[in-house]
């Protein structure tokens, strides 16, 4: 007896459709594929060859705020 029979796959697909719906499954598959791609790039050390680097886009830079901007506003009277 083999572990993964074709009817096992059919049952899993039907359960996924029932649980998540037909509209949500492609989004989940895309997210899983992008995550897997990022994981493989991270393992191979090719983090600099992402899509953003290929198209010439730059990463968002976060600048720290000044100390006076971090103070909470005075309480309203």
PDB file of N, CA and C in Angstrom:
ATOM      1  N   UNK A   1       0.846  -1.189   0.000  1.00  0.00           N
ATOM      2  CA  UNK A   1       0.000   0.000   0.000  1.00  0.00           C
ATOM      3  C   UNK A   1       0.886   1.244   0.000  1.00  0.00           C
ATOM      4  N   UNK A   2       0.683   2.085  -0.982  1.00  0.00           N
ATOM      5  CA  UNK A   2       1.449   3.316  -1.087  1.00  0.00           C
ATOM      6  C   UNK A   2       0.882   4.370  -0.149  1.00  0.00           C
ATOM      7  N   UNK A   3       1.742   5.284   0.232  1.00  0.00           N
ATOM      8  CA  UNK A   3       1.342   6.325   1.181  1.00  0.00           C
ATOM      9  C   UNK A   3       0.414   7.360   0.553  1.00  0.00           C
ATOM     10  N   UNK A   4       0.724   7.796  -0.665  1.00  0.00           N
ATOM     11  CA  UNK A   4      -0.039   8.878  -1.285  1.00  0.00           C
ATOM     12  C   UNK A   4      -0.733   8.372  -2.544  1.00  0.00           C
ATOM     13  N   UNK A   5      -1.971   7.995  -2.394  1.00  0.00           N
ATOM     14  CA  UNK A   5      -2.785   7.526  -3.509  1.00  0.00           C
ATOM     15  C   UNK A   5      -3.481   8.731  -4.167  1.00  0.00           C
ATOM     16  N   UNK A   6      -3.890   8.608  -5.419  1.00  0.00           N
ATOM     17  CA  UNK A   6      -4.594   9.731  -6.066  1.00  0.00           C
ATOM     18  C   UNK A   6      -5.858  10.155  -5.315  1.00  0.00           C
ATOM     19  N   UNK A   7      -6.579   9.228  -4.729  1.00  0.00           N
ATOM     20  CA  UNK A   7      -7.802   9.617  -4.021  1.00  0.00           C
ATOM     21  C   UNK A   7      -7.485  10.360  -2.730  1.00  0.00           C
ATOM     22  N   UNK A   8      -6.283  10.168  -2.174  1.00  0.00           N
ATOM     23  CA  UNK A   8      -5.871  10.960  -1.010  1.00  0.00           C
ATOM     24  C   UNK A   8      -5.763  12.437  -1.405  1.00  0.00           C
ATOM     25  N   UNK A   9      -5.177  12.678  -2.558  1.00  0.00           N
ATOM     26  CA  UNK A   9      -5.018  14.054  -3.045  1.00  0.00           C
ATOM     27  C   UNK A   9      -6.381  14.685  -3.301  1.00  0.00           C
ATOM     28  N   UNK A  10      -7.306  13.932  -3.866  1.00  0.00           N
ATOM     29  CA  UNK A  10      -8.656  14.442  -4.127  1.00  0.00           C
ATOM     30  C   UNK A  10      -9.341  14.825  -2.819  1.00  0.00           C
ATOM     31  N   UNK A  11      -9.218  13.993  -1.804  1.00  0.00           N
ATOM     32  CA  UNK A  11      -9.846  14.283  -0.515  1.00  0.00           C
ATOM     33  C   UNK A  11      -9.239  15.547   0.099  1.00  0.00           C
ATOM     34  N   UNK A  12      -7.922  15.701   0.026  1.00  0.00           N
ATOM     35  CA  UNK A  12      -7.265  16.885   0.580  1.00  0.00           C
ATOM     36  C   UNK A  12      -7.714  18.138  -0.165  1.00  0.00           C
ATOM     37  N   UNK A  13      -7.806  18.093  -1.483  1.00  0.00           N
ATOM     38  CA  UNK A  13      -8.246  19.249  -2.268  1.00  0.00           C
ATOM     39  C   UNK A  13      -9.681  19.622  -1.924  1.00  0.00           C
ATOM     40  N   UNK A  14     -10.553  18.635  -1.783  1.00  0.00           N
ATOM     41  CA  UNK A  14     -11.949  18.913  -1.430  1.00  0.00           C
ATOM     42  C   UNK A  14     -12.029  19.546  -0.044  1.00  0.00           C
ATOM     43  N   UNK A  15     -11.272  19.024   0.907  1.00  0.00           N
ATOM     44  CA  UNK A  15     -11.263  19.605   2.249  1.00  0.00           C
ATOM     45  C   UNK A  15     -10.756  21.044   2.236  1.00  0.00           C
ATOM     46  N   UNK A  16      -9.713  21.315   1.459  1.00  0.00           N
ATOM     47  CA  UNK A  16      -9.193  22.673   1.362  1.00  0.00           C
ATOM     48  C   UNK A  16     -10.229  23.619   0.759  1.00  0.00           C
ATOM     49  N   UNK A  17     -10.944  23.155  -0.254  1.00  0.00           N
ATOM     50  CA  UNK A  17     -11.983  23.994  -0.866  1.00  0.00           C
ATOM     51  C   UNK A  17     -13.102  24.290   0.120  1.00  0.00           C
ATOM     52  N   UNK A  18     -13.473  23.295   0.913  1.00  0.00           N
ATOM     53  CA  UNK A  18     -14.542  23.489   1.887  1.00  0.00           C
ATOM     54  C   UNK A  18     -14.092  24.445   2.991  1.00  0.00           C
ATOM     55  N   UNK A  19     -12.865  24.270   3.482  1.00  0.00           N
ATOM     56  CA  UNK A  19     -12.388  25.079   4.593  1.00  0.00           C
ATOM     57  C   UNK A  19     -12.080  26.518   4.200  1.00  0.00           C
ATOM     58  N   UNK A  20     -11.432  26.720   3.058  1.00  0.00           N
ATOM     59  CA  UNK A  20     -10.936  28.044   2.708  1.00  0.00           C
ATOM     60  C   UNK A  20     -11.677  28.709   1.557  1.00  0.00           C
ATOM     61  N   UNK A  21     -12.359  27.972   0.738  1.00  0.00           N
ATOM     62  CA  UNK A  21     -13.080  28.547  -0.387  1.00  0.00           C
ATOM     63  C   UNK A  21     -12.203  28.677  -1.620  1.00  0.00           C
ATOM     64  N   UNK A  22     -12.844  28.733  -2.773  1.00  0.00           N
ATOM     65  CA  UNK A  22     -12.128  28.760  -4.047  1.00  0.00           C
ATOM     66  C   UNK A  22     -11.399  30.079  -4.271  1.00  0.00           C
ATOM     67  N   UNK A  23     -11.879  31.179  -3.712  1.00  0.00           N
ATOM     68  CA  UNK A  23     -11.236  32.473  -3.925  1.00  0.00           C
ATOM     69  C   UNK A  23      -9.966  32.621  -3.091  1.00  0.00           C
ATOM     70  N   UNK A  24      -9.933  32.012  -1.933  1.00  0.00           N
ATOM     71  CA  UNK A  24      -8.808  32.188  -1.011  1.00  0.00           C
ATOM     72  C   UNK A  24      -7.635  31.264  -1.355  1.00  0.00           C
ATOM     73  N   UNK A  25      -7.882  30.123  -1.970  1.00  0.00           N
ATOM     74  CA  UNK A  25      -6.806  29.163  -2.241  1.00  0.00           C
ATOM     75  C   UNK A  25      -5.706  29.710  -3.158  1.00  0.00           C
ATOM     76  N   UNK A  26      -6.009  30.409  -4.257  1.00  0.00           N
ATOM     77  CA  UNK A  26      -4.918  30.953  -5.072  1.00  0.00           C
ATOM     78  C   UNK A  26      -4.053  31.965  -4.317  1.00  0.00           C
ATOM     79  N   UNK A  27      -4.680  32.776  -3.461  1.00  0.00           N
ATOM     80  CA  UNK A  27      -3.914  33.730  -2.652  1.00  0.00           C
ATOM     81  C   UNK A  27      -2.969  32.996  -1.708  1.00  0.00           C
ATOM     82  N   UNK A  28      -3.458  31.939  -1.096  1.00  0.00           N
ATOM     83  CA  UNK A  28      -2.627  31.159  -0.177  1.00  0.00           C
ATOM     84  C   UNK A  28      -1.488  30.474  -0.932  1.00  0.00           C
ATOM     85  N   UNK A  29      -1.774  29.962  -2.120  1.00  0.00           N
ATOM     86  CA  UNK A  29      -0.736  29.323  -2.920  1.00  0.00           C
ATOM     87  C   UNK A  29       0.336  30.305  -3.348  1.00  0.00           C
ATOM     88  N   UNK A  30      -0.077  31.511  -3.714  1.00  0.00           N
ATOM     89  CA  UNK A  30       0.892  32.539  -4.106  1.00  0.00           C
ATOM     90  C   UNK A  30       1.775  32.918  -2.928  1.00  0.00           C
ATOM     91  N   UNK A  31       1.165  33.118  -1.776  1.00  0.00           N
ATOM     92  CA  UNK A  31       1.937  33.455  -0.580  1.00  0.00           C
ATOM     93  C   UNK A  31       2.895  32.341  -0.190  1.00  0.00           C
ATOM     94  N   UNK A  32       2.451  31.109  -0.307  1.00  0.00           N
ATOM     95  CA  UNK A  32       3.306  29.973   0.010  1.00  0.00           C
ATOM     96  C   UNK A  32       4.467  29.884  -0.975  1.00  0.00           C
ATOM     97  N   UNK A  33       4.201  30.118  -2.249  1.00  0.00           N
ATOM     98  CA  UNK A  33       5.257  30.079  -3.258  1.00  0.00           C
ATOM     99  C   UNK A  33       6.283  31.180  -3.057  1.00  0.00           C
ATOM    100  N   UNK A  34       5.814  32.391  -2.737  1.00  0.00           N
ATOM    101  CA  UNK A  34       6.742  33.501  -2.493  1.00  0.00           C
ATOM    102  C   UNK A  34       7.582  33.246  -1.245  1.00  0.00           C
ATOM    103  N   UNK A  35       6.945  32.678  -0.225  1.00  0.00           N
ATOM    104  CA  UNK A  35       7.677  32.356   0.995  1.00  0.00           C
ATOM    105  C   UNK A  35       8.731  31.289   0.754  1.00  0.00           C
ATOM    106  N   UNK A  36       8.373  30.273  -0.025  1.00  0.00           N
ATOM    107  CA  UNK A  36       9.317  29.202  -0.341  1.00  0.00           C
ATOM    108  C   UNK A  36      10.483  29.745  -1.172  1.00  0.00           C
ATOM    109  N   UNK A  37      10.182  30.629  -2.117  1.00  0.00           N
ATOM    110  CA  UNK A  37      11.229  31.230  -2.946  1.00  0.00           C
ATOM    111  C   UNK A  37      12.187  32.049  -2.083  1.00  0.00           C
ATOM    112  N   UNK A  38      11.642  32.842  -1.164  1.00  0.00           N
ATOM    113  CA  UNK A  38      12.477  33.631  -0.262  1.00  0.00           C
ATOM    114  C   UNK A  38      13.322  32.744   0.642  1.00  0.00           C
ATOM    115  N   UNK A  39      12.745  31.638   1.087  1.00  0.00           N
ATOM    116  CA  UNK A  39      13.475  30.697   1.927  1.00  0.00           C
ATOM    117  C   UNK A  39      14.649  30.094   1.162  1.00  0.00           C
ATOM    118  N   UNK A  40      14.415  29.683  -0.073  1.00  0.00           N
ATOM    119  CA  UNK A  40      15.486  29.104  -0.887  1.00  0.00           C
ATOM    120  C   UNK A  40      16.570  30.132  -1.185  1.00  0.00           C
ATOM    121  N   UNK A  41      16.178  31.384  -1.471  1.00  0.00           N
ATOM    122  CA  UNK A  41      17.165  32.443  -1.712  1.00  0.00           C
ATOM    123  C   UNK A  41      17.996  32.711  -0.463  1.00  0.00           C
ATOM    124  N   UNK A  42      17.340  32.671   0.687  1.00  0.00           N
ATOM    125  CA  UNK A  42      18.053  32.884   1.932  1.00  0.00           C
ATOM    126  C   UNK A  42      19.061  31.780   2.207  1.00  0.00           C
ATOM    127  N   UNK A  43      18.699  30.546   1.880  1.00  0.00           N
ATOM    128  CA  UNK A  43      19.618  29.429   2.083  1.00  0.00           C
ATOM    129  C   UNK A  43      20.814  29.494   1.145  1.00  0.00           C
ATOM    130  N   UNK A  44      20.560  29.907  -0.091  1.00  0.00           N
ATOM    131  CA  UNK A  44      21.647  29.934  -1.069  1.00  0.00           C
ATOM    132  C   UNK A  44      22.475  31.221  -0.973  1.00  0.00           C
ATOM    133  N   UNK A  45      21.999  32.202  -0.225  1.00  0.00           N
ATOM    134  CA  UNK A  45      22.738  33.449  -0.066  1.00  0.00           C
ATOM    135  C   UNK A  45      22.523  34.426  -1.193  1.00  0.00           C
ATOM    136  N   UNK A  46      21.485  34.254  -1.987  1.00  0.00           N
ATOM    137  CA  UNK A  46      21.187  35.156  -3.100  1.00  0.00           C
ATOM    138  C   UNK A  46      20.142  36.181  -2.700  1.00  0.00           C
ATOM    139  N   UNK A  47      20.227  36.690  -1.505  1.00  0.00           N
ATOM    140  CA  UNK A  47      19.222  37.642  -1.032  1.00  0.00           C
ATOM    141  C   UNK A  47      19.249  38.932  -1.836  1.00  0.00           C
ATOM    142  N   UNK A  48      20.376  39.287  -2.444  1.00  0.00           N
ATOM    143  CA  UNK A  48      20.478  40.517  -3.221  1.00  0.00           C
ATOM    144  C   UNK A  48      19.866  40.419  -4.595  1.00  0.00           C
ATOM    145  N   UNK A  49      19.480  39.241  -5.027  1.00  0.00           N
ATOM    146  CA  UNK A  49      18.931  39.085  -6.374  1.00  0.00           C
ATOM    147  C   UNK A  49      17.418  38.991  -6.349  1.00  0.00           C
ATOM    148  N   UNK A  50      16.762  39.767  -5.496  1.00  0.00           N
ATOM    149  CA  UNK A  50      15.312  39.746  -5.428  1.00  0.00           C
ATOM    150  C   UNK A  50      14.723  40.526  -6.607  1.00  0.00           C
ATOM    151  N   UNK A  51      13.403  40.469  -6.726  1.00  0.00           N
ATOM    152  CA  UNK A  51      12.729  41.176  -7.814  1.00  0.00           C
ATOM    153  C   UNK A  51      12.942  42.685  -7.715  1.00  0.00           C
ATOM    154  N   UNK A  52      12.988  43.222  -6.515  1.00  0.00           N
ATOM    155  CA  UNK A  52      13.174  44.659  -6.343  1.00  0.00           C
ATOM    156  C   UNK A  52      14.544  45.085  -6.868  1.00  0.00           C
ATOM    157  N   UNK A  53      15.550  44.279  -6.642  1.00  0.00           N
ATOM    158  CA  UNK A  53      16.887  44.621  -7.117  1.00  0.00           C
ATOM    159  C   UNK A  53      16.965  44.515  -8.639  1.00  0.00           C
ATOM    160  N   UNK A  54      16.219  43.598  -9.213  1.00  0.00           N
ATOM    161  CA  UNK A  54      16.237  43.426 -10.668  1.00  0.00           C
ATOM    162  C   UNK A  54      15.578  44.609 -11.372  1.00  0.00           C
ATOM    163  N   UNK A  55      14.540  45.181 -10.761  1.00  0.00           N
ATOM    164  CA  UNK A  55      13.817  46.265 -11.413  1.00  0.00           C
ATOM    165  C   UNK A  55      14.371  47.630 -11.058  1.00  0.00           C
ATOM    166  N   UNK A  56      15.367  47.694 -10.198  1.00  0.00           N
ATOM    167  CA  UNK A  56      15.973  48.961  -9.846  1.00  0.00           C
ATOM    168  C   UNK A  56      15.288  49.674  -8.696  1.00  0.00           C
ATOM    169  N   UNK A  57      14.331  49.031  -8.047  1.00  0.00           N
ATOM    170  CA  UNK A  57      13.655  49.650  -6.918  1.00  0.00           C
ATOM    171  C   UNK A  57      14.577  49.610  -5.700  1.00  0.00           C
ATOM    172  N   UNK A  58      14.373  50.558  -4.818  1.00  0.00           N
ATOM    173  CA  UNK A  58      15.173  50.579  -3.597  1.00  0.00           C
ATOM    174  C   UNK A  58      14.298  50.241  -2.408  1.00  0.00           C
ATOM    175  N   UNK A  59      14.919  49.774  -1.357  1.00  0.00           N
ATOM    176  CA  UNK A  59      14.190  49.436  -0.145  1.00  0.00           C
ATOM    177  C   UNK A  59      13.784  50.706   0.592  1.00  0.00           C
ATOM    178  N   UNK A  60      12.729  50.616   1.359  1.00  0.00           N
ATOM    179  CA  UNK A  60      12.258  51.748   2.156  1.00  0.00           C
ATOM    180  C   UNK A  60      13.199  51.948   3.333  1.00  0.00           C
ATOM    181  N   UNK A  61      13.662  53.168   3.516  1.00  0.00           N
ATOM    182  CA  UNK A  61      14.574  53.479   4.605  1.00  0.00           C
ATOM    183  C   UNK A  61      13.801  54.134   5.735  1.00  0.00           C
ATOM    184  N   UNK A  62      13.991  53.632   6.944  1.00  0.00           N
ATOM    185  CA  UNK A  62      13.323  54.181   8.114  1.00  0.00           C
ATOM    186  C   UNK A  62      14.305  55.060   8.858  1.00  0.00           C
ATOM    187  N   UNK A  63      13.910  56.316   9.103  1.00  0.00           N
ATOM    188  CA  UNK A  63      14.768  57.237   9.846  1.00  0.00           C
ATOM    189  C   UNK A  63      14.193  57.403  11.239  1.00  0.00           C
ATOM    190  N   UNK A  64      15.039  57.390  12.266  1.00  0.00           N
ATOM    191  CA  UNK A  64      14.532  57.530  13.634  1.00  0.00           C
ATOM    192  C   UNK A  64      14.015  58.941  13.883  1.00  0.00           C
ATOM    193  N   UNK A  65      13.012  59.037  14.739  1.00  0.00           N
ATOM    194  CA  UNK A  65      12.441  60.338  15.072  1.00  0.00           C
ATOM    195  C   UNK A  65      13.267  60.992  16.167  1.00  0.00           C
ATOM    196  N   UNK A  66      13.198  62.302  16.225  1.00  0.00           N
ATOM    197  CA  UNK A  66      13.888  63.052  17.277  1.00  0.00           C
ATOM    198  C   UNK A  66      13.218  62.760  18.614  1.00  0.00           C
ATOM    199  N   UNK A  67      13.949  62.980  19.696  1.00  0.00           N
ATOM    200  CA  UNK A  67      13.446  62.659  21.033  1.00  0.00           C
ATOM    201  C   UNK A  67      12.178  63.445  21.365  1.00  0.00           C
ATOM    202  N   UNK A  68      12.066  64.706  20.916  1.00  0.00           N
ATOM    203  CA  UNK A  68      10.878  65.498  21.241  1.00  0.00           C
ATOM    204  C   UNK A  68       9.646  65.003  20.487  1.00  0.00           C
ATOM    205  N   UNK A  69       9.818  64.326  19.372  1.00  0.00           N
ATOM    206  CA  UNK A  69       8.683  63.782  18.636  1.00  0.00           C
ATOM    207  C   UNK A  69       8.153  62.511  19.280  1.00  0.00           C
ATOM    208  N   UNK A  70       8.941  61.851  20.113  1.00  0.00           N
ATOM    209  CA  UNK A  70       8.537  60.608  20.746  1.00  0.00           C
ATOM    210  C   UNK A  70       7.735  60.820  22.020  1.00  0.00           C
ATOM    211  N   UNK A  71       7.690  62.054  22.541  1.00  0.00           N
ATOM    212  CA  UNK A  71       6.957  62.332  23.764  1.00  0.00           C
ATOM    213  C   UNK A  71       5.452  62.228  23.488  1.00  0.00           C
ATOM    214  N   UNK A  72       4.695  61.690  24.453  1.00  0.00           N
ATOM    215  CA  UNK A  72       3.243  61.610  24.242  1.00  0.00           C
ATOM    216  C   UNK A  72       2.631  62.995  24.290  1.00  0.00           C
ATOM    217  N   UNK A  73       1.532  63.211  23.608  1.00  0.00           N
ATOM    218  CA  UNK A  73       0.885  64.534  23.619  1.00  0.00           C
ATOM    219  C   UNK A  73       0.329  64.807  25.012  1.00  0.00           C
ATOM    220  N   UNK A  74       0.186  66.099  25.379  1.00  0.00           N
ATOM    221  CA  UNK A  74      -0.358  66.433  26.703  1.00  0.00           C
ATOM    222  C   UNK A  74      -1.813  65.981  26.787  1.00  0.00           C
ATOM    223  N   UNK A  75      -2.266  65.624  27.986  1.00  0.00           N
ATOM    224  CA  UNK A  75      -3.658  65.184  28.143  1.00  0.00           C
ATOM    225  C   UNK A  75      -4.630  66.320  27.849  1.00  0.00           C
ATOM    226  N   UNK A  76      -5.741  65.973  27.272  1.00  0.00           N
ATOM    227  CA  UNK A  76      -6.757  66.972  26.939  1.00  0.00           C
ATOM    228  C   UNK A  76      -7.495  67.386  28.211  1.00  0.00           C
ATOM    229  N   UNK A  77      -7.801  68.658  28.335  1.00  0.00           N
ATOM    230  CA  UNK A  77      -8.456  69.169  29.543  1.00  0.00           C
ATOM    231  C   UNK A  77      -9.953  69.127  29.414  1.00  0.00           C
TER     232      UNK A  77
END
